[in-house]
Amino acid sequence: MLLHVGQRIYPDGDRHIDVMKSGGLADDEIKELKTLKRGYTKGMAVAIVELGKTYETTLEQRCDPDYQRSVAAFGQDSGVRATEIKRVAYLKQGVKISGQGGVFKVKVNKSVIPDGWLDQDSSTTTSNTDKGYYYSATF
């Protein structure tokens, strides 16, 4: 799964920052975490993510402080379903793509995929050409 950074800022009233601060992060650390790496901008696929299982949660589970910090949202603000993130890495370079709601299919050059990802799961590409098909989601 590729991570696409959308053009719009999610209107949560900066509540995600309150969650980050609740974990003890200082303002400068939060700013660094929210800043894209040089050469990566909104409107680009910027990273590849290996997803784990998706499961349903209760409000009680979502209100656990550790859970809230892991999803950067307060329990009442987060969705019922959660998907584990097993690993994530920046692409070798960002790829400008048009975002869509939810999960969508995109075609990118394999050369932007970080080392160690293509040979881990051959199902991420559809052929031996220079381009492969990947699924992306806008966040």
Protein backbone atom coordinates (compact mmCIF):
# COMPACT_ATOMS: atom_id res chain seq x y z
CA MET A 1 0.00 0.00 0.00
CA LEU A 2 1.33 3.43 -0.91
CA LEU A 3 0.68 6.39 1.36
CA HIS A 4 -0.67 9.42 -0.52
CA VAL A 5 -0.58 12.82 1.18
CA GLY A 6 -3.73 14.71 0.25
CA GLN A 7 -3.95 18.40 -0.62
CA ARG A 8 -6.43 19.27 2.12
CA ILE A 9 -5.78 19.36 5.84
CA TYR A 10 -8.18 17.21 7.84
CA PRO A 11 -10.35 19.56 9.94
CA ASP A 12 -9.90 18.09 13.41
CA GLY A 13 -9.21 21.40 15.17
CA ASP A 14 -5.62 20.26 15.82
CA ARG A 15 -6.84 17.59 18.24
CA HIS A 16 -4.15 15.25 16.87
CA ILE A 17 -1.58 17.68 18.30
CA ASP A 18 -3.23 17.42 21.72
CA VAL A 19 -2.93 13.63 21.48
CA MET A 20 0.75 13.91 20.53
CA LYS A 21 1.39 16.27 23.45
CA SER A 22 -0.38 13.85 25.80
CA GLY A 23 2.39 11.39 24.97
CA GLY A 24 5.02 13.85 26.14
CA LEU A 25 6.15 15.18 22.75
CA ALA A 26 7.45 18.74 22.67
CA ASP A 27 6.32 21.27 20.06
CA ASP A 28 9.59 20.97 18.09
CA GLU A 29 9.28 17.16 17.98
CA ILE A 30 5.69 17.41 16.76
CA LYS A 31 6.67 19.88 14.06
CA GLU A 32 9.42 17.53 12.87
CA LEU A 33 7.06 14.54 12.79
CA LYS A 34 4.49 16.51 10.79
CA THR A 35 7.00 17.80 8.24
CA LEU A 36 7.49 15.86 5.02
CA LYS A 37 10.99 14.90 4.02
CA ARG A 38 12.66 17.33 1.59
CA GLY A 39 11.44 16.78 -1.98
CA TYR A 40 8.10 15.31 -0.88
CA THR A 41 4.93 17.42 -1.04
CA LYS A 42 1.18 17.24 -0.71
CA GLY A 43 -0.39 15.47 -3.66
CA MET A 44 2.30 12.79 -3.78
CA ALA A 45 2.56 9.15 -2.85
CA VAL A 46 5.40 9.44 -0.35
CA ALA A 47 5.76 6.08 1.38
CA ILE A 48 5.06 2.38 1.18
CA VAL A 49 3.28 0.67 4.05
CA GLU A 50 2.93 -2.99 4.93
CA LEU A 51 -0.45 -3.46 6.55
CA GLY A 52 -1.41 -6.06 9.11
CA LYS A 53 -4.82 -7.19 10.17
CA THR A 54 -7.87 -4.92 10.37
CA TYR A 55 -10.08 -5.36 13.39
CA GLU A 56 -13.03 -3.72 15.09
CA THR A 57 -12.55 -1.83 18.32
CA THR A 58 -14.79 -0.71 21.14
CA LEU A 59 -14.96 2.85 22.43
CA GLU A 60 -13.34 1.61 25.64
CA GLN A 61 -10.35 0.25 23.66
CA ARG A 62 -10.12 3.45 21.62
CA CYS A 63 -10.05 5.57 24.79
CA ASP A 64 -6.92 3.82 26.09
CA PRO A 65 -4.14 6.47 26.12
CA ASP A 66 -1.63 4.16 24.39
CA TYR A 67 -4.15 3.40 21.63
CA GLN A 68 -4.94 7.10 21.20
CA ARG A 69 -1.26 7.96 20.80
CA SER A 70 -0.77 5.13 18.28
CA VAL A 71 -3.54 6.47 16.03
CA ALA A 72 -3.09 10.20 16.87
CA ALA A 73 -6.77 10.60 17.72
CA PHE A 74 -8.91 10.61 20.81
CA GLY A 75 -11.11 7.55 21.22
CA GLN A 76 -14.38 9.29 20.39
CA ASP A 77 -12.79 10.80 17.24
CA SER A 78 -11.34 7.59 15.81
CA GLY A 79 -13.12 5.01 13.69
CA VAL A 80 -14.44 1.66 14.81
CA ARG A 81 -11.94 -0.23 12.60
CA ALA A 82 -8.19 -0.17 13.06
CA THR A 83 -5.52 -1.59 10.77
CA GLU A 84 -2.10 -2.54 12.06
CA ILE A 85 0.94 -1.02 10.35
CA LYS A 86 3.74 -3.57 10.26
CA ARG A 87 6.39 -1.38 8.59
CA VAL A 88 6.70 1.81 6.59
CA ALA A 89 9.42 3.44 4.48
CA TYR A 90 9.72 6.57 2.37
CA LEU A 91 9.67 5.95 -1.37
CA LYS A 92 13.01 6.67 -3.07
CA GLN A 93 11.25 9.73 -4.49
CA GLY A 94 7.72 11.07 -4.20
CA VAL A 95 5.29 10.32 -7.03
CA LYS A 96 2.73 12.95 -8.03
CA ILE A 97 -0.65 11.23 -8.33
CA SER A 98 -4.23 12.38 -8.19
CA GLY A 99 -5.74 11.38 -4.90
CA GLN A 100 -9.11 9.74 -4.53
CA GLY A 101 -11.24 8.89 -1.55
CA GLY A 102 -10.45 5.61 0.15
CA VAL A 103 -8.19 3.01 -1.42
CA PHE A 104 -7.41 3.26 -5.13
CA LYS A 105 -5.12 1.64 -7.68
CA VAL A 106 -2.13 3.53 -9.13
CA LYS A 107 0.72 2.67 -11.46
CA VAL A 108 4.23 3.78 -10.46
CA ASN A 109 7.76 2.99 -11.57
CA LYS A 110 9.26 0.15 -9.57
CA SER A 111 12.41 2.23 -9.26
CA VAL A 112 10.79 4.39 -6.56
CA ILE A 113 10.07 1.41 -4.30
CA PRO A 114 12.68 1.10 -1.49
CA ASP A 115 15.07 -1.83 -1.46
CA GLY A 116 13.71 -4.89 0.29
CA TRP A 117 10.06 -4.32 -0.56
CA LEU A 118 9.59 -5.85 -4.02
CA ASP A 119 11.28 -9.12 -3.20
CA GLN A 120 9.35 -9.44 0.08
CA ASP A 121 5.96 -9.78 -1.59
CA SER A 122 5.81 -10.50 -5.29
CA SER A 123 2.04 -9.87 -5.28
CA THR A 124 2.67 -6.11 -5.23
CA THR A 125 3.43 -6.05 -8.95
CA THR A 126 1.62 -7.48 -11.92
CA SER A 127 4.47 -8.04 -14.36
CA ASN A 128 8.23 -7.87 -14.87
CA THR A 129 8.04 -4.47 -16.57
CA ASP A 130 9.38 -1.22 -15.15
CA LYS A 131 5.99 -0.28 -13.78
CA GLY A 132 3.88 -2.08 -11.25
CA TYR A 133 0.40 -1.62 -9.89
CA TYR A 134 0.00 -0.63 -6.28
CA TYR A 135 -2.86 0.35 -4.07
CA SER A 136 -2.78 3.76 -2.48
CA ALA A 137 -4.81 5.58 0.13
CA THR A 138 -5.02 9.30 0.77
CA PHE A 139 -4.31 10.56 4.29
